[in-house]
Amino acid sequence: MNSAELDKKDPRRIPPSTSGQLLHRARIGLGLAAIMLYSAGLLVAAAYVSFKAPIKPDRYGHPFSRHLGDRLAAYALWFRSPSKAERATMPIEKINQILDTASAKHGVDRCLVHAVAVWESSLNPHAISTTGAVGLMALQPETARQFSLEDPFDPYANADAGTRLLGQLSHDYNGNVDLILAAYNSGSNAVTQFRGVPPYRETTDYVKHVGHIYRICKAEQ
């Protein structure tokens, strides 16, 4: 008796062609379910990372793809960075002490160091900017490499490197706070090119707002 005759005798029997289609659909369903679970996992991971290491809001329209590599590198460094839990609950008083120690060690104006840290990271050691700058002093990747930082999220090392950079700029610009801040934000080459504060909105805002924090600090001394 052939299969056709069996099918006629037993209507419950599933033809081979139909069985293959069902198997194919089941595989597709499992594949889609796996993709959905994977996507959900990525969303949970992204939510966790953005909570623990928030990206500083972008006010100046940086293209998403322009610094994507730097941001991914910053998150990779954050994942490898030890003592994340301890730093996440570090008291503000401790962070202020770290900044004070760095400024005293390198002879840099305390208010200048604090003003930069407050604006750049809101004193969050885990801060990441849209351009991939990290930590208390928002060190760019090339700056972290310049000062040989193994863990730029370490608040001690980050504050020390950022303060050293401010010290170098203070020397280069004879203590002119506006030029120091402009160079910290946009680089010394831009300050040299424009013979002063570059006319970039991001930099002029930076000089204005960080300078305001600086002057408040000086007035309270």
C-alpha atoms as a PDB file:
ATOM      1  CA  MET A   1       0.000   0.000   0.000  1.00  0.00           C
ATOM      2  CA  ASN A   2       1.508   3.364  -1.020  1.00  0.00           C
ATOM      3  CA  SER A   3       1.440   6.619   0.947  1.00  0.00           C
ATOM      4  CA  ALA A   4      -1.474   8.029  -1.036  1.00  0.00           C
ATOM      5  CA  GLU A   5      -3.591   5.042  -0.130  1.00  0.00           C
ATOM      6  CA  LEU A   6      -2.526   5.379   3.527  1.00  0.00           C
ATOM      7  CA  ASP A   7      -3.543   9.033   3.486  1.00  0.00           C
ATOM      8  CA  LYS A   8      -6.968   8.077   2.182  1.00  0.00           C
ATOM      9  CA  LYS A   9      -7.392   5.438   4.884  1.00  0.00           C
ATOM     10  CA  ASP A  10      -6.097   7.695   7.732  1.00  0.00           C
ATOM     11  CA  PRO A  11      -7.037  11.387   7.317  1.00  0.00           C
ATOM     12  CA  ARG A  12      -5.028  12.233  10.472  1.00  0.00           C
ATOM     13  CA  ARG A  13      -1.765  11.341   8.738  1.00  0.00           C
ATOM     14  CA  ILE A  14       0.277  14.470   7.764  1.00  0.00           C
ATOM     15  CA  PRO A  15       1.634  14.315   4.215  1.00  0.00           C
ATOM     16  CA  PRO A  16       5.455  14.484   4.027  1.00  0.00           C
ATOM     17  CA  SER A  17       5.350  17.814   2.186  1.00  0.00           C
ATOM     18  CA  THR A  18       3.185  19.367   4.897  1.00  0.00           C
ATOM     19  CA  SER A  19       5.404  17.955   7.623  1.00  0.00           C
ATOM     20  CA  GLY A  20       8.458  19.552   6.006  1.00  0.00           C
ATOM     21  CA  GLN A  21       6.705  22.916   5.817  1.00  0.00           C
ATOM     22  CA  LEU A  22       5.778  22.730   9.496  1.00  0.00           C
ATOM     23  CA  LEU A  23       9.358  21.897  10.426  1.00  0.00           C
ATOM     24  CA  HIS A  24      10.633  24.806   8.345  1.00  0.00           C
ATOM     25  CA  ARG A  25       8.170  27.187  10.000  1.00  0.00           C
ATOM     26  CA  ALA A  26       9.160  25.904  13.438  1.00  0.00           C
ATOM     27  CA  ARG A  27      12.792  26.614  12.687  1.00  0.00           C
ATOM     28  CA  ILE A  28      11.950  30.123  11.518  1.00  0.00           C
ATOM     29  CA  GLY A  29       9.898  30.670  14.678  1.00  0.00           C
ATOM     30  CA  LEU A  30      12.748  29.504  16.890  1.00  0.00           C
ATOM     31  CA  GLY A  31      15.157  31.741  15.000  1.00  0.00           C
ATOM     32  CA  LEU A  32      12.916  34.771  15.436  1.00  0.00           C
ATOM     33  CA  ALA A  33      12.465  33.975  19.124  1.00  0.00           C
ATOM     34  CA  ALA A  34      16.254  33.756  19.554  1.00  0.00           C
ATOM     35  CA  ILE A  35      16.706  37.111  17.802  1.00  0.00           C
ATOM     36  CA  MET A  36      14.041  38.695  20.022  1.00  0.00           C
ATOM     37  CA  LEU A  37      15.662  37.318  23.181  1.00  0.00           C
ATOM     38  CA  TYR A  38      19.087  38.511  22.007  1.00  0.00           C
ATOM     39  CA  SER A  39      17.706  41.979  21.220  1.00  0.00           C
ATOM     40  CA  ALA A  40      16.008  42.133  24.616  1.00  0.00           C
ATOM     41  CA  GLY A  41      19.296  41.181  26.246  1.00  0.00           C
ATOM     42  CA  LEU A  42      21.086  43.961  24.375  1.00  0.00           C
ATOM     43  CA  LEU A  43      18.443  46.466  25.457  1.00  0.00           C
ATOM     44  CA  VAL A  44      18.787  45.403  29.095  1.00  0.00           C
ATOM     45  CA  ALA A  45      22.578  45.602  28.845  1.00  0.00           C
ATOM     46  CA  ALA A  46      22.399  49.024  27.210  1.00  0.00           C
ATOM     47  CA  ALA A  47      20.003  50.269  29.881  1.00  0.00           C
ATOM     48  CA  TYR A  48      22.301  48.970  32.616  1.00  0.00           C
ATOM     49  CA  VAL A  49      25.421  50.517  31.091  1.00  0.00           C
ATOM     50  CA  SER A  50      23.730  53.862  30.400  1.00  0.00           C
ATOM     51  CA  PHE A  51      22.601  53.920  34.043  1.00  0.00           C
ATOM     52  CA  LYS A  52      25.973  52.983  35.502  1.00  0.00           C
ATOM     53  CA  ALA A  53      28.087  54.971  33.034  1.00  0.00           C
ATOM     54  CA  PRO A  54      25.829  57.672  31.621  1.00  0.00           C
ATOM     55  CA  ILE A  55      26.741  59.455  28.429  1.00  0.00           C
ATOM     56  CA  LYS A  56      26.838  63.204  28.955  1.00  0.00           C
ATOM     57  CA  PRO A  57      23.965  64.783  26.972  1.00  0.00           C
ATOM     58  CA  ASP A  58      25.046  66.204  23.635  1.00  0.00           C
ATOM     59  CA  ARG A  59      24.051  69.837  23.222  1.00  0.00           C
ATOM     60  CA  TYR A  60      25.990  70.482  20.040  1.00  0.00           C
ATOM     61  CA  GLY A  61      24.765  68.028  17.442  1.00  0.00           C
ATOM     62  CA  HIS A  62      27.765  65.725  17.181  1.00  0.00           C
ATOM     63  CA  PRO A  63      26.969  63.069  14.536  1.00  0.00           C
ATOM     64  CA  PHE A  64      26.218  59.686  16.089  1.00  0.00           C
ATOM     65  CA  SER A  65      28.807  57.864  13.982  1.00  0.00           C
ATOM     66  CA  ARG A  66      31.616  60.407  14.271  1.00  0.00           C
ATOM     67  CA  HIS A  67      32.898  59.259  17.672  1.00  0.00           C
ATOM     68  CA  LEU A  68      31.231  55.854  17.790  1.00  0.00           C
ATOM     69  CA  GLY A  69      34.587  54.079  17.984  1.00  0.00           C
ATOM     70  CA  ASP A  70      35.700  56.281  20.873  1.00  0.00           C
ATOM     71  CA  ARG A  71      32.453  55.626  22.779  1.00  0.00           C
ATOM     72  CA  LEU A  72      32.712  51.884  22.255  1.00  0.00           C
ATOM     73  CA  ALA A  73      36.327  51.987  23.418  1.00  0.00           C
ATOM     74  CA  ALA A  74      35.237  53.980  26.477  1.00  0.00           C
ATOM     75  CA  TYR A  75      32.585  51.389  27.387  1.00  0.00           C
ATOM     76  CA  ALA A  76      35.121  48.595  26.899  1.00  0.00           C
ATOM     77  CA  LEU A  77      37.448  50.370  29.334  1.00  0.00           C
ATOM     78  CA  TRP A  78      34.570  50.829  31.772  1.00  0.00           C
ATOM     79  CA  PHE A  79      33.712  47.117  31.700  1.00  0.00           C
ATOM     80  CA  ARG A  80      37.354  46.229  32.429  1.00  0.00           C
ATOM     81  CA  SER A  81      37.757  48.886  35.109  1.00  0.00           C
ATOM     82  CA  PRO A  82      37.941  47.433  38.640  1.00  0.00           C
ATOM     83  CA  SER A  83      36.079  48.725  41.704  1.00  0.00           C
ATOM     84  CA  LYS A  84      33.136  50.085  39.694  1.00  0.00           C
ATOM     85  CA  ALA A  85      30.666  49.445  42.505  1.00  0.00           C
ATOM     86  CA  GLU A  86      32.829  51.243  45.051  1.00  0.00           C
ATOM     87  CA  ARG A  87      33.311  54.284  42.813  1.00  0.00           C
ATOM     88  CA  ALA A  88      29.615  54.461  41.954  1.00  0.00           C
ATOM     89  CA  THR A  89      28.843  55.301  45.585  1.00  0.00           C
ATOM     90  CA  MET A  90      31.909  57.442  46.238  1.00  0.00           C
ATOM     91  CA  PRO A  91      30.861  60.463  48.345  1.00  0.00           C
ATOM     92  CA  ILE A  92      31.164  63.928  46.824  1.00  0.00           C
ATOM     93  CA  GLU A  93      33.410  64.884  49.739  1.00  0.00           C
ATOM     94  CA  LYS A  94      35.862  62.175  48.713  1.00  0.00           C
ATOM     95  CA  ILE A  95      35.854  63.329  45.100  1.00  0.00           C
ATOM     96  CA  ASN A  96      36.484  66.920  46.214  1.00  0.00           C
ATOM     97  CA  GLN A  97      39.396  65.646  48.265  1.00  0.00           C
ATOM     98  CA  ILE A  98      40.819  63.836  45.225  1.00  0.00           C
ATOM     99  CA  LEU A  99      40.593  67.033  43.175  1.00  0.00           C
ATOM    100  CA  ASP A 100      42.163  69.100  45.963  1.00  0.00           C
ATOM    101  CA  THR A 101      45.055  66.640  46.249  1.00  0.00           C
ATOM    102  CA  ALA A 102      45.704  66.753  42.498  1.00  0.00           C
ATOM    103  CA  SER A 103      45.624  70.557  42.352  1.00  0.00           C
ATOM    104  CA  ALA A 104      47.985  70.886  45.342  1.00  0.00           C
ATOM    105  CA  LYS A 105      50.356  68.244  43.948  1.00  0.00           C
ATOM    106  CA  HIS A 106      50.749  70.008  40.599  1.00  0.00           C
ATOM    107  CA  GLY A 107      50.374  73.599  41.784  1.00  0.00           C
ATOM    108  CA  VAL A 108      47.258  74.249  39.706  1.00  0.00           C
ATOM    109  CA  ASP A 109      44.505  76.650  40.745  1.00  0.00           C
ATOM    110  CA  ARG A 110      42.093  74.594  42.849  1.00  0.00           C
ATOM    111  CA  CYS A 111      39.052  76.442  41.534  1.00  0.00           C
ATOM    112  CA  LEU A 112      40.090  75.791  37.952  1.00  0.00           C
ATOM    113  CA  VAL A 113      40.341  72.043  38.582  1.00  0.00           C
ATOM    114  CA  HIS A 114      36.991  71.913  40.380  1.00  0.00           C
ATOM    115  CA  ALA A 115      35.219  74.041  37.759  1.00  0.00           C
ATOM    116  CA  VAL A 116      36.324  71.746  34.938  1.00  0.00           C
ATOM    117  CA  ALA A 117      35.347  68.595  36.847  1.00  0.00           C
ATOM    118  CA  VAL A 118      31.923  69.964  37.817  1.00  0.00           C
ATOM    119  CA  TRP A 119      31.086  70.942  34.248  1.00  0.00           C
ATOM    120  CA  GLU A 120      32.607  67.934  32.510  1.00  0.00           C
ATOM    121  CA  SER A 121      31.271  65.107  34.653  1.00  0.00           C
ATOM    122  CA  SER A 122      29.105  66.537  37.456  1.00  0.00           C
ATOM    123  CA  LEU A 123      31.731  64.829  39.662  1.00  0.00           C
ATOM    124  CA  ASN A 124      30.718  61.392  38.340  1.00  0.00           C
ATOM    125  CA  PRO A 125      33.823  59.171  37.914  1.00  0.00           C
ATOM    126  CA  HIS A 126      31.914  56.991  35.411  1.00  0.00           C
ATOM    127  CA  ALA A 127      30.826  59.785  33.060  1.00  0.00           C
ATOM    128  CA  ILE A 128      31.227  59.282  29.300  1.00  0.00           C
ATOM    129  CA  SER A 129      30.684  62.067  26.784  1.00  0.00           C
ATOM    130  CA  THR A 130      29.320  61.677  23.264  1.00  0.00           C
ATOM    131  CA  THR A 131      32.867  62.196  21.956  1.00  0.00           C
ATOM    132  CA  GLY A 132      34.237  59.356  24.097  1.00  0.00           C
ATOM    133  CA  ALA A 133      35.792  61.505  26.812  1.00  0.00           C
ATOM    134  CA  VAL A 134      35.730  59.733  30.175  1.00  0.00           C
ATOM    135  CA  GLY A 135      35.844  60.245  33.914  1.00  0.00           C
ATOM    136  CA  LEU A 136      35.927  63.215  36.260  1.00  0.00           C
ATOM    137  CA  MET A 137      37.934  65.457  33.938  1.00  0.00           C
ATOM    138  CA  ALA A 138      36.449  64.115  30.664  1.00  0.00           C
ATOM    139  CA  LEU A 139      39.767  62.942  29.263  1.00  0.00           C
ATOM    140  CA  GLN A 140      39.776  62.247  25.543  1.00  0.00           C
ATOM    141  CA  PRO A 141      41.324  58.924  24.461  1.00  0.00           C
ATOM    142  CA  GLU A 142      44.474  60.611  23.137  1.00  0.00           C
ATOM    143  CA  THR A 143      44.885  62.516  26.414  1.00  0.00           C
ATOM    144  CA  ALA A 144      44.565  59.309  28.421  1.00  0.00           C
ATOM    145  CA  ARG A 145      47.251  57.748  26.211  1.00  0.00           C
ATOM    146  CA  GLN A 146      49.427  60.849  26.538  1.00  0.00           C
ATOM    147  CA  PHE A 147      49.487  60.432  30.318  1.00  0.00           C
ATOM    148  CA  SER A 148      49.769  56.613  30.120  1.00  0.00           C
ATOM    149  CA  LEU A 149      46.528  55.921  31.984  1.00  0.00           C
ATOM    150  CA  GLU A 150      45.735  52.234  32.226  1.00  0.00           C
ATOM    151  CA  ASP A 151      42.330  52.939  33.768  1.00  0.00           C
ATOM    152  CA  PRO A 152      41.023  56.421  32.892  1.00  0.00           C
ATOM    153  CA  PHE A 153      37.939  55.747  35.032  1.00  0.00           C
ATOM    154  CA  ASP A 154      40.105  55.631  38.156  1.00  0.00           C
ATOM    155  CA  PRO A 155      39.205  59.007  39.741  1.00  0.00           C
ATOM    156  CA  TYR A 156      42.683  59.428  41.232  1.00  0.00           C
ATOM    157  CA  ALA A 157      44.484  58.855  37.938  1.00  0.00           C
ATOM    158  CA  ASN A 158      41.885  60.795  35.942  1.00  0.00           C
ATOM    159  CA  ALA A 159      42.025  63.839  38.230  1.00  0.00           C
ATOM    160  CA  ASP A 160      45.819  63.730  38.245  1.00  0.00           C
ATOM    161  CA  ALA A 161      46.080  63.625  34.430  1.00  0.00           C
ATOM    162  CA  GLY A 162      43.431  66.311  33.904  1.00  0.00           C
ATOM    163  CA  THR A 163      45.131  68.557  36.453  1.00  0.00           C
ATOM    164  CA  ARG A 164      48.517  68.046  34.815  1.00  0.00           C
ATOM    165  CA  LEU A 165      47.000  69.053  31.486  1.00  0.00           C
ATOM    166  CA  LEU A 166      45.486  72.178  33.057  1.00  0.00           C
ATOM    167  CA  GLY A 167      48.902  72.939  34.546  1.00  0.00           C
ATOM    168  CA  GLN A 168      50.539  72.713  31.126  1.00  0.00           C
ATOM    169  CA  LEU A 169      47.888  74.967  29.595  1.00  0.00           C
ATOM    170  CA  SER A 170      48.198  77.438  32.500  1.00  0.00           C
ATOM    171  CA  HIS A 171      51.889  77.713  31.723  1.00  0.00           C
ATOM    172  CA  ASP A 172      51.317  78.027  27.966  1.00  0.00           C
ATOM    173  CA  TYR A 173      48.733  80.803  28.347  1.00  0.00           C
ATOM    174  CA  ASN A 174      50.243  82.634  31.318  1.00  0.00           C
ATOM    175  CA  GLY A 175      47.274  81.902  33.557  1.00  0.00           C
ATOM    176  CA  ASN A 176      44.677  83.345  31.158  1.00  0.00           C
ATOM    177  CA  VAL A 177      41.628  81.353  32.282  1.00  0.00           C
ATOM    178  CA  ASP A 178      39.621  81.897  29.093  1.00  0.00           C
ATOM    179  CA  LEU A 179      42.435  80.579  26.892  1.00  0.00           C
ATOM    180  CA  ILE A 180      43.160  77.686  29.258  1.00  0.00           C
ATOM    181  CA  LEU A 181      39.525  76.586  29.126  1.00  0.00           C
ATOM    182  CA  ALA A 182      39.303  77.092  25.365  1.00  0.00           C
ATOM    183  CA  ALA A 183      42.383  74.920  24.820  1.00  0.00           C
ATOM    184  CA  TYR A 184      41.089  72.267  27.227  1.00  0.00           C
ATOM    185  CA  ASN A 185      37.877  72.068  25.226  1.00  0.00           C
ATOM    186  CA  SER A 186      38.983  72.476  21.611  1.00  0.00           C
ATOM    187  CA  GLY A 187      42.750  71.955  21.740  1.00  0.00           C
ATOM    188  CA  SER A 188      45.732  74.272  21.673  1.00  0.00           C
ATOM    189  CA  ASN A 189      45.941  74.205  17.870  1.00  0.00           C
ATOM    190  CA  ALA A 190      42.511  75.815  17.579  1.00  0.00           C
ATOM    191  CA  VAL A 191      43.452  78.545  20.061  1.00  0.00           C
ATOM    192  CA  THR A 192      46.640  79.228  18.095  1.00  0.00           C
ATOM    193  CA  GLN A 193      44.786  79.227  14.795  1.00  0.00           C
ATOM    194  CA  PHE A 194      42.228  81.804  15.944  1.00  0.00           C
ATOM    195  CA  ARG A 195      44.656  83.690  18.194  1.00  0.00           C
ATOM    196  CA  GLY A 196      42.200  83.434  21.047  1.00  0.00           C
ATOM    197  CA  VAL A 197      39.015  81.606  21.939  1.00  0.00           C
ATOM    198  CA  PRO A 198      37.835  79.706  18.816  1.00  0.00           C
ATOM    199  CA  PRO A 199      34.416  80.858  17.541  1.00  0.00           C
ATOM    200  CA  TYR A 200      32.871  77.415  17.974  1.00  0.00           C
ATOM    201  CA  ARG A 201      29.591  77.555  19.901  1.00  0.00           C
ATOM    202  CA  GLU A 202      30.624  74.577  22.008  1.00  0.00           C
ATOM    203  CA  THR A 203      33.902  76.260  22.992  1.00  0.00           C
ATOM    204  CA  THR A 204      32.466  79.719  23.648  1.00  0.00           C
ATOM    205  CA  ASP A 205      29.756  78.131  25.819  1.00  0.00           C
ATOM    206  CA  TYR A 206      32.409  76.100  27.615  1.00  0.00           C
ATOM    207  CA  VAL A 207      34.527  79.151  28.390  1.00  0.00           C
ATOM    208  CA  LYS A 208      31.462  81.076  29.543  1.00  0.00           C
ATOM    209  CA  HIS A 209      29.929  78.427  31.808  1.00  0.00           C
ATOM    210  CA  VAL A 210      33.065  76.843  33.231  1.00  0.00           C
ATOM    211  CA  GLY A 211      34.461  80.335  33.746  1.00  0.00           C
ATOM    212  CA  HIS A 212      31.315  81.224  35.689  1.00  0.00           C
ATOM    213  CA  ILE A 213      31.770  78.205  37.976  1.00  0.00           C
ATOM    214  CA  TYR A 214      35.410  79.175  38.397  1.00  0.00           C
ATOM    215  CA  ARG A 215      34.555  82.738  39.433  1.00  0.00           C
ATOM    216  CA  ILE A 216      31.948  81.524  41.949  1.00  0.00           C
ATOM    217  CA  CYS A 217      34.579  79.261  43.499  1.00  0.00           C
ATOM    218  CA  LYS A 218      37.097  82.108  43.681  1.00  0.00           C
ATOM    219  CA  ALA A 219      34.528  84.399  45.302  1.00  0.00           C
ATOM    220  CA  GLU A 220      33.855  81.801  48.015  1.00  0.00           C
ATOM    221  CA  GLN A 221      37.506  81.357  48.948  1.00  0.00           C
END
